[in-house]
Amino acid sequence: MPQTPRYLRGYGLVEAPLSTCAARLDRASLGQRSVLRRRTGDGSGFFSQDATVGYLNHLTFPSTRWALFAVNDRWTAVLNNSRDGSEFADDASLVARVCATRTCRVVDHEPACILELHDEDGATVRSIHAALDGNRWDFGTHGDELPAEAAFDYTARRKRDRFTSDNLRTLLASLGVDPPVPAAFAATDQFVLLDEVLNSTRRAKEVAARACTAEQADAPGYGYLQRGLGYAKHMRTHAASVAFDLTRAVLLSPELEAQAKPHLAAARRRLGRVEFERLVRDVERLVLGEQDG
């Protein structure tokens, strides 16, 4: 089965036409966090699907780029460029209040199936989830049951079977979300793009410095790179952690060397040549042993 693209792993739904949704979100403040700014497209104000995919492939955490498109005349879908996959968890309530309408948060990507329905005041009126939490599946509901749920088997022996992708699609269709969002995405070539401008300049610089592409994020060593860069801010006390994580990142994904190299050099100066080289040899043996195993 082909892997779901990051930008479709989770999404938001706003119960308003695309034009209305775009107008209300442009220049909207998201609490104290940020302000949304619409990008100008072609003469029609829209961007193509190819341009949108490229736009969303600039990954950040938290997200800094939004893409809107029409599912139908009633519902607008919202995607973002979150590094771990598009996600509407932090925005569903805010957008409901800004747009004065119902919104949904949807996650439909193994190992999670989630729906949260919010009213125009941002309150959660219904939520259902079946998700892998660590090594165990968790299932739960909140709020009044929707009519379409009457046919769902919430007593299934396996928690993962109590709320499935098929259930989710049935529930969304009952709310008027039709066609399914992935199909609507594939069928349209009119997207509205919004930049989320963080209010904190310092935070914005930190987020920008850690931006990457999907290809970089999928590299085996990328997680170690990110953790090592986090430790690099505390080089005086965490030089060994920097050396360990960044060495491992480069061994697993040599293309990350340019980003790791200056911090590895700083760690070497802090630790001293002998200690640094000993640590590097230990990491090399560890990685080699894992690969052989």
C-alpha atoms as a PDB file:
ATOM      1  CA  MET A   1       0.000   0.000   0.000  1.00  0.00           C
ATOM      2  CA  PRO A   2       1.486   3.411  -0.962  1.00  0.00           C
ATOM      3  CA  GLN A   3       2.395   5.654   1.937  1.00  0.00           C
ATOM      4  CA  THR A   4       0.060   8.571   2.650  1.00  0.00           C
ATOM      5  CA  PRO A   5       1.803  11.879   1.864  1.00  0.00           C
ATOM      6  CA  ARG A   6       2.603  13.940   4.951  1.00  0.00           C
ATOM      7  CA  TYR A   7       0.224  16.692   3.896  1.00  0.00           C
ATOM      8  CA  LEU A   8      -2.766  14.310   3.923  1.00  0.00           C
ATOM      9  CA  ARG A   9      -2.083  12.400   7.151  1.00  0.00           C
ATOM     10  CA  GLY A  10      -4.205  14.845   9.077  1.00  0.00           C
ATOM     11  CA  TYR A  11      -6.325  17.818   8.084  1.00  0.00           C
ATOM     12  CA  GLY A  12      -8.856  20.344   9.187  1.00  0.00           C
ATOM     13  CA  LEU A  13     -12.339  20.936   7.832  1.00  0.00           C
ATOM     14  CA  VAL A  14     -14.154  24.271   8.002  1.00  0.00           C
ATOM     15  CA  GLU A  15     -17.879  24.403   7.319  1.00  0.00           C
ATOM     16  CA  ALA A  16     -17.724  27.345   4.932  1.00  0.00           C
ATOM     17  CA  PRO A  17     -17.094  27.849   1.195  1.00  0.00           C
ATOM     18  CA  LEU A  18     -13.452  28.277   0.179  1.00  0.00           C
ATOM     19  CA  SER A  19     -13.864  31.975  -0.622  1.00  0.00           C
ATOM     20  CA  THR A  20     -15.429  32.698   2.768  1.00  0.00           C
ATOM     21  CA  CYS A  21     -12.879  30.632   4.655  1.00  0.00           C
ATOM     22  CA  ALA A  22      -9.934  32.272   2.858  1.00  0.00           C
ATOM     23  CA  ALA A  23     -11.272  35.781   3.468  1.00  0.00           C
ATOM     24  CA  ARG A  24     -11.797  35.186   7.187  1.00  0.00           C
ATOM     25  CA  LEU A  25      -8.418  33.534   7.744  1.00  0.00           C
ATOM     26  CA  ASP A  26      -6.358  36.107   5.828  1.00  0.00           C
ATOM     27  CA  ARG A  27      -4.757  38.416   8.439  1.00  0.00           C
ATOM     28  CA  ALA A  28      -6.426  36.497  11.257  1.00  0.00           C
ATOM     29  CA  SER A  29      -4.614  36.319  14.597  1.00  0.00           C
ATOM     30  CA  LEU A  30      -4.229  32.865  16.129  1.00  0.00           C
ATOM     31  CA  GLY A  31      -4.213  33.970  19.742  1.00  0.00           C
ATOM     32  CA  GLN A  32      -0.840  35.370  20.800  1.00  0.00           C
ATOM     33  CA  ARG A  33       0.954  32.865  18.590  1.00  0.00           C
ATOM     34  CA  SER A  34       0.860  34.179  15.045  1.00  0.00           C
ATOM     35  CA  VAL A  35      -0.918  35.925  12.189  1.00  0.00           C
ATOM     36  CA  LEU A  36      -1.985  34.330   8.897  1.00  0.00           C
ATOM     37  CA  ARG A  37      -1.105  36.053   5.612  1.00  0.00           C
ATOM     38  CA  ARG A  38      -2.501  34.995   2.252  1.00  0.00           C
ATOM     39  CA  ARG A  39      -0.044  34.522  -0.600  1.00  0.00           C
ATOM     40  CA  THR A  40      -0.920  36.038  -3.940  1.00  0.00           C
ATOM     41  CA  GLY A  41      -1.269  33.458  -6.701  1.00  0.00           C
ATOM     42  CA  ASP A  42      -2.053  33.896 -10.371  1.00  0.00           C
ATOM     43  CA  GLY A  43      -4.683  36.345 -11.571  1.00  0.00           C
ATOM     44  CA  SER A  44      -7.393  34.267  -9.938  1.00  0.00           C
ATOM     45  CA  GLY A  45      -5.653  34.255  -6.550  1.00  0.00           C
ATOM     46  CA  PHE A  46      -5.153  30.478  -6.613  1.00  0.00           C
ATOM     47  CA  PHE A  47      -2.151  28.153  -6.726  1.00  0.00           C
ATOM     48  CA  SER A  48      -1.835  24.897  -8.666  1.00  0.00           C
ATOM     49  CA  GLN A  49      -1.589  21.463  -7.075  1.00  0.00           C
ATOM     50  CA  ASP A  50       2.095  21.132  -8.010  1.00  0.00           C
ATOM     51  CA  ALA A  51       2.887  24.525  -6.487  1.00  0.00           C
ATOM     52  CA  THR A  52       0.972  23.578  -3.357  1.00  0.00           C
ATOM     53  CA  VAL A  53       2.809  20.278  -2.890  1.00  0.00           C
ATOM     54  CA  GLY A  54       6.116  22.106  -3.266  1.00  0.00           C
ATOM     55  CA  TYR A  55       4.984  24.755  -0.784  1.00  0.00           C
ATOM     56  CA  LEU A  56       4.024  22.122   1.802  1.00  0.00           C
ATOM     57  CA  ASN A  57       7.306  20.255   1.306  1.00  0.00           C
ATOM     58  CA  HIS A  58       9.071  22.973   3.312  1.00  0.00           C
ATOM     59  CA  LEU A  59       8.566  21.221   6.649  1.00  0.00           C
ATOM     60  CA  THR A  60       8.676  22.956  10.016  1.00  0.00           C
ATOM     61  CA  PHE A  61       7.653  22.294  13.582  1.00  0.00           C
ATOM     62  CA  PRO A  62       5.369  23.887  14.500  1.00  0.00           C
ATOM     63  CA  SER A  63       3.722  24.363  11.120  1.00  0.00           C
ATOM     64  CA  THR A  64       4.154  27.687   9.319  1.00  0.00           C
ATOM     65  CA  ARG A  65       2.347  27.087   6.010  1.00  0.00           C
ATOM     66  CA  TRP A  66      -1.330  26.377   5.314  1.00  0.00           C
ATOM     67  CA  ALA A  67      -3.131  25.256   2.158  1.00  0.00           C
ATOM     68  CA  LEU A  68      -6.905  25.564   1.709  1.00  0.00           C
ATOM     69  CA  PHE A  69      -9.051  23.913  -0.961  1.00  0.00           C
ATOM     70  CA  ALA A  70     -12.718  23.218  -1.541  1.00  0.00           C
ATOM     71  CA  VAL A  71     -14.077  19.777  -0.764  1.00  0.00           C
ATOM     72  CA  ASN A  72     -17.470  20.975  -2.013  1.00  0.00           C
ATOM     73  CA  ASP A  73     -19.591  24.137  -1.773  1.00  0.00           C
ATOM     74  CA  ARG A  74     -20.104  23.564   1.949  1.00  0.00           C
ATOM     75  CA  TRP A  75     -16.745  22.401   3.326  1.00  0.00           C
ATOM     76  CA  THR A  76     -13.157  23.672   2.977  1.00  0.00           C
ATOM     77  CA  ALA A  77     -10.165  21.485   3.824  1.00  0.00           C
ATOM     78  CA  VAL A  78      -7.041  22.799   5.562  1.00  0.00           C
ATOM     79  CA  LEU A  79      -3.578  21.218   5.299  1.00  0.00           C
ATOM     80  CA  ASN A  80      -0.286  22.358   6.782  1.00  0.00           C
ATOM     81  CA  ASN A  81       3.448  21.683   6.596  1.00  0.00           C
ATOM     82  CA  SER A  82       4.015  20.157  10.027  1.00  0.00           C
ATOM     83  CA  ARG A  83       7.164  18.040   9.938  1.00  0.00           C
ATOM     84  CA  ASP A  84       5.514  14.924  11.344  1.00  0.00           C
ATOM     85  CA  GLY A  85       2.451  15.201   9.105  1.00  0.00           C
ATOM     86  CA  SER A  86      -0.324  17.721   8.597  1.00  0.00           C
ATOM     87  CA  GLU A  87      -2.225  18.191  11.859  1.00  0.00           C
ATOM     88  CA  PHE A  88      -5.105  20.458  12.931  1.00  0.00           C
ATOM     89  CA  ALA A  89      -5.075  19.727  16.672  1.00  0.00           C
ATOM     90  CA  ASP A  90      -3.852  23.154  17.757  1.00  0.00           C
ATOM     91  CA  ASP A  91      -6.021  25.077  15.316  1.00  0.00           C
ATOM     92  CA  ALA A  92      -9.504  23.551  15.190  1.00  0.00           C
ATOM     93  CA  SER A  93     -10.906  25.620  18.069  1.00  0.00           C
ATOM     94  CA  LEU A  94      -9.176  28.821  16.989  1.00  0.00           C
ATOM     95  CA  VAL A  95     -10.352  28.543  13.389  1.00  0.00           C
ATOM     96  CA  ALA A  96     -13.904  27.766  14.495  1.00  0.00           C
ATOM     97  CA  ARG A  97     -13.998  31.060  16.391  1.00  0.00           C
ATOM     98  CA  VAL A  98     -12.303  33.051  13.636  1.00  0.00           C
ATOM     99  CA  CYS A  99     -14.630  31.701  10.947  1.00  0.00           C
ATOM    100  CA  ALA A 100     -17.699  31.537  13.232  1.00  0.00           C
ATOM    101  CA  THR A 101     -18.570  28.040  12.041  1.00  0.00           C
ATOM    102  CA  ARG A 102     -18.094  24.360  12.802  1.00  0.00           C
ATOM    103  CA  THR A 103     -14.692  22.753  12.235  1.00  0.00           C
ATOM    104  CA  CYS A 104     -13.319  19.225  12.327  1.00  0.00           C
ATOM    105  CA  ARG A 105      -9.942  17.826  13.182  1.00  0.00           C
ATOM    106  CA  VAL A 106      -9.274  14.611  11.266  1.00  0.00           C
ATOM    107  CA  VAL A 107      -6.405  12.131  11.496  1.00  0.00           C
ATOM    108  CA  ASP A 108      -6.566   9.134   9.164  1.00  0.00           C
ATOM    109  CA  HIS A 109      -3.125   7.602   9.111  1.00  0.00           C
ATOM    110  CA  GLU A 110      -1.917   4.390  10.763  1.00  0.00           C
ATOM    111  CA  PRO A 111      -1.683   4.139  13.724  1.00  0.00           C
ATOM    112  CA  ALA A 112      -4.405   6.696  14.479  1.00  0.00           C
ATOM    113  CA  CYS A 113      -7.976   7.361  13.441  1.00  0.00           C
ATOM    114  CA  ILE A 114      -9.399  10.526  15.014  1.00  0.00           C
ATOM    115  CA  LEU A 115     -12.325  12.851  14.519  1.00  0.00           C
ATOM    116  CA  GLU A 116     -13.060  15.937  16.613  1.00  0.00           C
ATOM    117  CA  LEU A 117     -16.062  18.132  15.821  1.00  0.00           C
ATOM    118  CA  HIS A 118     -16.076  21.703  17.183  1.00  0.00           C
ATOM    119  CA  ASP A 119     -18.936  24.190  17.239  1.00  0.00           C
ATOM    120  CA  GLU A 120     -18.696  27.822  16.127  1.00  0.00           C
ATOM    121  CA  ASP A 121     -17.461  28.825  19.594  1.00  0.00           C
ATOM    122  CA  GLY A 122     -14.599  26.338  19.400  1.00  0.00           C
ATOM    123  CA  ALA A 123     -16.045  23.899  21.925  1.00  0.00           C
ATOM    124  CA  THR A 124     -15.588  20.179  21.253  1.00  0.00           C
ATOM    125  CA  VAL A 125     -19.048  18.693  20.734  1.00  0.00           C
ATOM    126  CA  ARG A 126     -17.927  15.207  19.639  1.00  0.00           C
ATOM    127  CA  SER A 127     -14.627  13.378  19.570  1.00  0.00           C
ATOM    128  CA  ILE A 128     -13.778   9.768  18.719  1.00  0.00           C
ATOM    129  CA  HIS A 129     -10.362   8.181  18.556  1.00  0.00           C
ATOM    130  CA  ALA A 130      -8.658   4.839  18.140  1.00  0.00           C
ATOM    131  CA  ALA A 131      -4.900   5.259  18.287  1.00  0.00           C
ATOM    132  CA  LEU A 132      -1.726   3.455  19.237  1.00  0.00           C
ATOM    133  CA  ASP A 133      -0.416   5.019  22.445  1.00  0.00           C
ATOM    134  CA  GLY A 134       3.067   3.633  22.958  1.00  0.00           C
ATOM    135  CA  ASN A 135       2.620  -0.121  22.747  1.00  0.00           C
ATOM    136  CA  ARG A 136      -1.115  -0.183  23.456  1.00  0.00           C
ATOM    137  CA  TRP A 137      -4.190   0.833  21.490  1.00  0.00           C
ATOM    138  CA  ASP A 138      -6.478   3.369  23.117  1.00  0.00           C
ATOM    139  CA  PHE A 139     -10.108   4.078  22.248  1.00  0.00           C
ATOM    140  CA  GLY A 140     -12.377   6.791  23.567  1.00  0.00           C
ATOM    141  CA  THR A 141     -15.318   9.058  22.814  1.00  0.00           C
ATOM    142  CA  HIS A 142     -16.610  12.349  24.164  1.00  0.00           C
ATOM    143  CA  GLY A 143     -19.873  14.187  23.635  1.00  0.00           C
ATOM    144  CA  ASP A 144     -23.205  13.180  22.157  1.00  0.00           C
ATOM    145  CA  GLU A 145     -23.187  10.390  19.596  1.00  0.00           C
ATOM    146  CA  LEU A 146     -23.867  11.419  15.994  1.00  0.00           C
ATOM    147  CA  PRO A 147     -26.599   9.538  14.080  1.00  0.00           C
ATOM    148  CA  ALA A 148     -24.151   7.783  11.727  1.00  0.00           C
ATOM    149  CA  GLU A 149     -22.372   6.178  14.678  1.00  0.00           C
ATOM    150  CA  ALA A 150     -25.329   3.880  15.425  1.00  0.00           C
ATOM    151  CA  ALA A 151     -23.924   1.300  13.008  1.00  0.00           C
ATOM    152  CA  PHE A 152     -20.365   1.343  14.444  1.00  0.00           C
ATOM    153  CA  ASP A 153     -19.096  -1.493  16.641  1.00  0.00           C
ATOM    154  CA  TYR A 154     -17.693   0.334  19.657  1.00  0.00           C
ATOM    155  CA  THR A 155     -17.586  -2.957  21.576  1.00  0.00           C
ATOM    156  CA  ALA A 156     -15.236  -4.755  19.159  1.00  0.00           C
ATOM    157  CA  ARG A 157     -12.691  -6.911  20.985  1.00  0.00           C
ATOM    158  CA  ARG A 158      -9.729  -5.061  19.499  1.00  0.00           C
ATOM    159  CA  LYS A 159      -9.715  -1.348  20.274  1.00  0.00           C
ATOM    160  CA  ARG A 160      -8.179  -0.572  16.897  1.00  0.00           C
ATOM    161  CA  ASP A 161     -11.331  -2.010  15.257  1.00  0.00           C
ATOM    162  CA  ARG A 162     -13.756   0.181  17.196  1.00  0.00           C
ATOM    163  CA  PHE A 163     -13.179   3.250  15.023  1.00  0.00           C
ATOM    164  CA  THR A 164     -11.692   2.575  11.591  1.00  0.00           C
ATOM    165  CA  SER A 165     -10.935   4.542   8.434  1.00  0.00           C
ATOM    166  CA  ASP A 166     -14.182   3.216   6.949  1.00  0.00           C
ATOM    167  CA  ASN A 167     -16.089   4.457  10.007  1.00  0.00           C
ATOM    168  CA  LEU A 168     -14.392   7.822   9.706  1.00  0.00           C
ATOM    169  CA  ARG A 169     -15.292   8.196   6.034  1.00  0.00           C
ATOM    170  CA  THR A 170     -18.907   7.220   6.777  1.00  0.00           C
ATOM    171  CA  LEU A 171     -19.107   9.773   9.559  1.00  0.00           C
ATOM    172  CA  LEU A 172     -17.593  12.550   7.452  1.00  0.00           C
ATOM    173  CA  ALA A 173     -19.962  11.794   4.569  1.00  0.00           C
ATOM    174  CA  SER A 174     -22.889  12.059   7.009  1.00  0.00           C
ATOM    175  CA  LEU A 175     -21.676  15.580   7.853  1.00  0.00           C
ATOM    176  CA  GLY A 176     -21.632  16.495   4.158  1.00  0.00           C
ATOM    177  CA  VAL A 177     -17.893  16.011   3.571  1.00  0.00           C
ATOM    178  CA  ASP A 178     -18.083  14.377   0.161  1.00  0.00           C
ATOM    179  CA  PRO A 179     -16.032  13.497  -1.841  1.00  0.00           C
ATOM    180  CA  PRO A 180     -13.396  12.284   0.649  1.00  0.00           C
ATOM    181  CA  VAL A 181     -10.684  14.857   1.244  1.00  0.00           C
ATOM    182  CA  PRO A 182      -7.852  12.935  -0.530  1.00  0.00           C
ATOM    183  CA  ALA A 183     -10.074  12.601  -3.619  1.00  0.00           C
ATOM    184  CA  ALA A 184     -11.003  16.280  -3.492  1.00  0.00           C
ATOM    185  CA  PHE A 185      -7.311  17.181  -3.203  1.00  0.00           C
ATOM    186  CA  ALA A 186      -6.434  15.067  -6.245  1.00  0.00           C
ATOM    187  CA  ALA A 187      -9.260  16.558  -8.301  1.00  0.00           C
ATOM    188  CA  THR A 188      -8.655  20.259  -7.756  1.00  0.00           C
ATOM    189  CA  ASP A 189      -6.069  22.715  -9.025  1.00  0.00           C
ATOM    190  CA  GLN A 190      -7.232  25.747  -7.062  1.00  0.00           C
ATOM    191  CA  PHE A 191      -5.520  26.178  -3.702  1.00  0.00           C
ATOM    192  CA  VAL A 192      -5.264  29.154  -1.379  1.00  0.00           C
ATOM    193  CA  LEU A 193      -1.928  29.384   0.446  1.00  0.00           C
ATOM    194  CA  LEU A 194      -1.371  31.099   3.780  1.00  0.00           C
ATOM    195  CA  ASP A 195       1.853  31.854   5.630  1.00  0.00           C
ATOM    196  CA  GLU A 196       1.647  31.603   9.408  1.00  0.00           C
ATOM    197  CA  VAL A 197       3.885  34.405  10.675  1.00  0.00           C
ATOM    198  CA  LEU A 198       5.005  33.735  14.242  1.00  0.00           C
ATOM    199  CA  ASN A 199       4.809  36.775  16.529  1.00  0.00           C
ATOM    200  CA  SER A 200       8.054  35.892  18.319  1.00  0.00           C
ATOM    201  CA  THR A 201      11.019  36.806  16.123  1.00  0.00           C
ATOM    202  CA  ARG A 202      13.313  34.593  18.166  1.00  0.00           C
ATOM    203  CA  ARG A 203      10.952  31.630  17.852  1.00  0.00           C
ATOM    204  CA  ALA A 204      10.521  32.263  14.115  1.00  0.00           C
ATOM    205  CA  LYS A 205      14.295  32.120  13.601  1.00  0.00           C
ATOM    206  CA  GLU A 206      14.550  28.865  15.560  1.00  0.00           C
ATOM    207  CA  VAL A 207      11.762  27.252  13.542  1.00  0.00           C
ATOM    208  CA  ALA A 208      13.253  28.439  10.236  1.00  0.00           C
ATOM    209  CA  ALA A 209      16.683  27.085  11.164  1.00  0.00           C
ATOM    210  CA  ARG A 210      15.211  23.600  11.593  1.00  0.00           C
ATOM    211  CA  ALA A 211      13.151  23.578   8.395  1.00  0.00           C
ATOM    212  CA  CYS A 212      13.687  20.620   6.085  1.00  0.00           C
ATOM    213  CA  THR A 213      12.205  18.770   3.139  1.00  0.00           C
ATOM    214  CA  ALA A 214      10.236  15.537   3.348  1.00  0.00           C
ATOM    215  CA  GLU A 215      13.226  13.705   1.891  1.00  0.00           C
ATOM    216  CA  GLN A 216      15.466  15.040   4.663  1.00  0.00           C
ATOM    217  CA  ALA A 217      12.925  14.250   7.380  1.00  0.00           C
ATOM    218  CA  ASP A 218      12.704  10.667   6.117  1.00  0.00           C
ATOM    219  CA  ALA A 219      16.475  10.178   6.330  1.00  0.00           C
ATOM    220  CA  PRO A 220      17.352   7.549   9.006  1.00  0.00           C
ATOM    221  CA  GLY A 221      19.659   9.948  10.811  1.00  0.00           C
ATOM    222  CA  TYR A 222      17.374  12.978  10.825  1.00  0.00           C
ATOM    223  CA  GLY A 223      15.958  12.426  14.307  1.00  0.00           C
ATOM    224  CA  TYR A 224      19.464  12.193  15.741  1.00  0.00           C
ATOM    225  CA  LEU A 225      20.422  15.363  13.873  1.00  0.00           C
ATOM    226  CA  GLN A 226      17.523  17.265  15.432  1.00  0.00           C
ATOM    227  CA  ARG A 227      18.285  16.012  18.923  1.00  0.00           C
ATOM    228  CA  GLY A 228      21.975  16.784  18.518  1.00  0.00           C
ATOM    229  CA  LEU A 229      21.232  20.313  17.329  1.00  0.00           C
ATOM    230  CA  GLY A 230      19.074  20.768  20.410  1.00  0.00           C
ATOM    231  CA  TYR A 231      21.957  19.747  22.638  1.00  0.00           C
ATOM    232  CA  ALA A 232      24.298  22.074  20.703  1.00  0.00           C
ATOM    233  CA  LYS A 233      22.681  25.062  22.438  1.00  0.00           C
ATOM    234  CA  HIS A 234      24.176  23.711  25.667  1.00  0.00           C
ATOM    235  CA  MET A 235      27.589  22.734  24.348  1.00  0.00           C
ATOM    236  CA  ARG A 236      29.391  23.526  27.593  1.00  0.00           C
ATOM    237  CA  THR A 237      27.542  20.797  29.495  1.00  0.00           C
ATOM    238  CA  HIS A 238      26.300  18.522  26.686  1.00  0.00           C
ATOM    239  CA  ALA A 239      29.222  18.219  24.269  1.00  0.00           C
ATOM    240  CA  ALA A 240      29.261  14.423  24.580  1.00  0.00           C
ATOM    241  CA  SER A 241      25.570  14.242  23.669  1.00  0.00           C
ATOM    242  CA  VAL A 242      26.187  16.482  20.660  1.00  0.00           C
ATOM    243  CA  ALA A 243      29.048  14.271  19.506  1.00  0.00           C
ATOM    244  CA  PHE A 244      27.048  11.069  20.033  1.00  0.00           C
ATOM    245  CA  ASP A 245      23.871  12.146  18.229  1.00  0.00           C
ATOM    246  CA  LEU A 246      25.463  14.053  15.360  1.00  0.00           C
ATOM    247  CA  THR A 247      28.038  11.331  14.687  1.00  0.00           C
ATOM    248  CA  ARG A 248      25.222   8.786  14.561  1.00  0.00           C
ATOM    249  CA  ALA A 249      23.179  11.070  12.285  1.00  0.00           C
ATOM    250  CA  VAL A 250      26.015  11.343   9.777  1.00  0.00           C
ATOM    251  CA  LEU A 251      26.790   7.623   9.852  1.00  0.00           C
ATOM    252  CA  LEU A 252      23.155   6.789   9.119  1.00  0.00           C
ATOM    253  CA  SER A 253      22.610   9.628   6.620  1.00  0.00           C
ATOM    254  CA  PRO A 254      25.860  11.021   5.164  1.00  0.00           C
ATOM    255  CA  GLU A 255      23.943  13.771   3.371  1.00  0.00           C
ATOM    256  CA  LEU A 256      23.398  15.425   6.782  1.00  0.00           C
ATOM    257  CA  GLU A 257      27.122  16.015   7.307  1.00  0.00           C
ATOM    258  CA  ALA A 258      27.077  19.672   6.256  1.00  0.00           C
ATOM    259  CA  GLN A 259      24.542  20.514   8.969  1.00  0.00           C
ATOM    260  CA  ALA A 260      26.354  18.495  11.626  1.00  0.00           C
ATOM    261  CA  LYS A 261      29.964  19.395  10.822  1.00  0.00           C
ATOM    262  CA  PRO A 262      30.354  22.774  12.620  1.00  0.00           C
ATOM    263  CA  HIS A 263      28.737  21.439  15.795  1.00  0.00           C
ATOM    264  CA  LEU A 264      30.869  18.295  15.749  1.00  0.00           C
ATOM    265  CA  ALA A 265      33.937  20.523  15.473  1.00  0.00           C
ATOM    266  CA  ALA A 266      32.774  22.527  18.488  1.00  0.00           C
ATOM    267  CA  ALA A 267      32.151  19.316  20.446  1.00  0.00           C
ATOM    268  CA  ARG A 268      35.652  18.102  19.582  1.00  0.00           C
ATOM    269  CA  ARG A 269      37.160  21.311  20.929  1.00  0.00           C
ATOM    270  CA  ARG A 270      35.132  21.059  24.136  1.00  0.00           C
ATOM    271  CA  LEU A 271      35.830  17.351  24.765  1.00  0.00           C
ATOM    272  CA  GLY A 272      39.407  17.247  23.534  1.00  0.00           C
ATOM    273  CA  ARG A 273      40.715  15.134  20.669  1.00  0.00           C
ATOM    274  CA  VAL A 274      41.226  11.896  22.627  1.00  0.00           C
ATOM    275  CA  GLU A 275      37.811  11.846  24.313  1.00  0.00           C
ATOM    276  CA  PHE A 276      36.028  12.938  21.131  1.00  0.00           C
ATOM    277  CA  GLU A 277      37.650  10.249  18.989  1.00  0.00           C
ATOM    278  CA  ARG A 278      36.920   7.582  21.600  1.00  0.00           C
ATOM    279  CA  LEU A 279      33.265   8.545  21.608  1.00  0.00           C
ATOM    280  CA  VAL A 280      33.138   8.501  17.790  1.00  0.00           C
ATOM    281  CA  ARG A 281      34.596   4.982  17.726  1.00  0.00           C
ATOM    282  CA  ASP A 282      31.973   3.851  20.246  1.00  0.00           C
ATOM    283  CA  VAL A 283      29.183   5.246  18.060  1.00  0.00           C
ATOM    284  CA  GLU A 284      30.646   3.612  14.955  1.00  0.00           C
ATOM    285  CA  ARG A 285      30.699   0.225  16.694  1.00  0.00           C
ATOM    286  CA  LEU A 286      27.143   0.739  17.901  1.00  0.00           C
ATOM    287  CA  VAL A 287      25.797   1.615  14.446  1.00  0.00           C
ATOM    288  CA  LEU A 288      27.731  -1.203  12.792  1.00  0.00           C
ATOM    289  CA  GLY A 289      26.421  -3.691  15.346  1.00  0.00           C
ATOM    290  CA  GLU A 290      22.832  -2.587  14.738  1.00  0.00           C
ATOM    291  CA  GLN A 291      23.252  -2.887  10.983  1.00  0.00           C
ATOM    292  CA  ASP A 292      24.806  -6.355  11.290  1.00  0.00           C
ATOM    293  CA  GLY A 293      22.049  -7.424  13.626  1.00  0.00           C
END
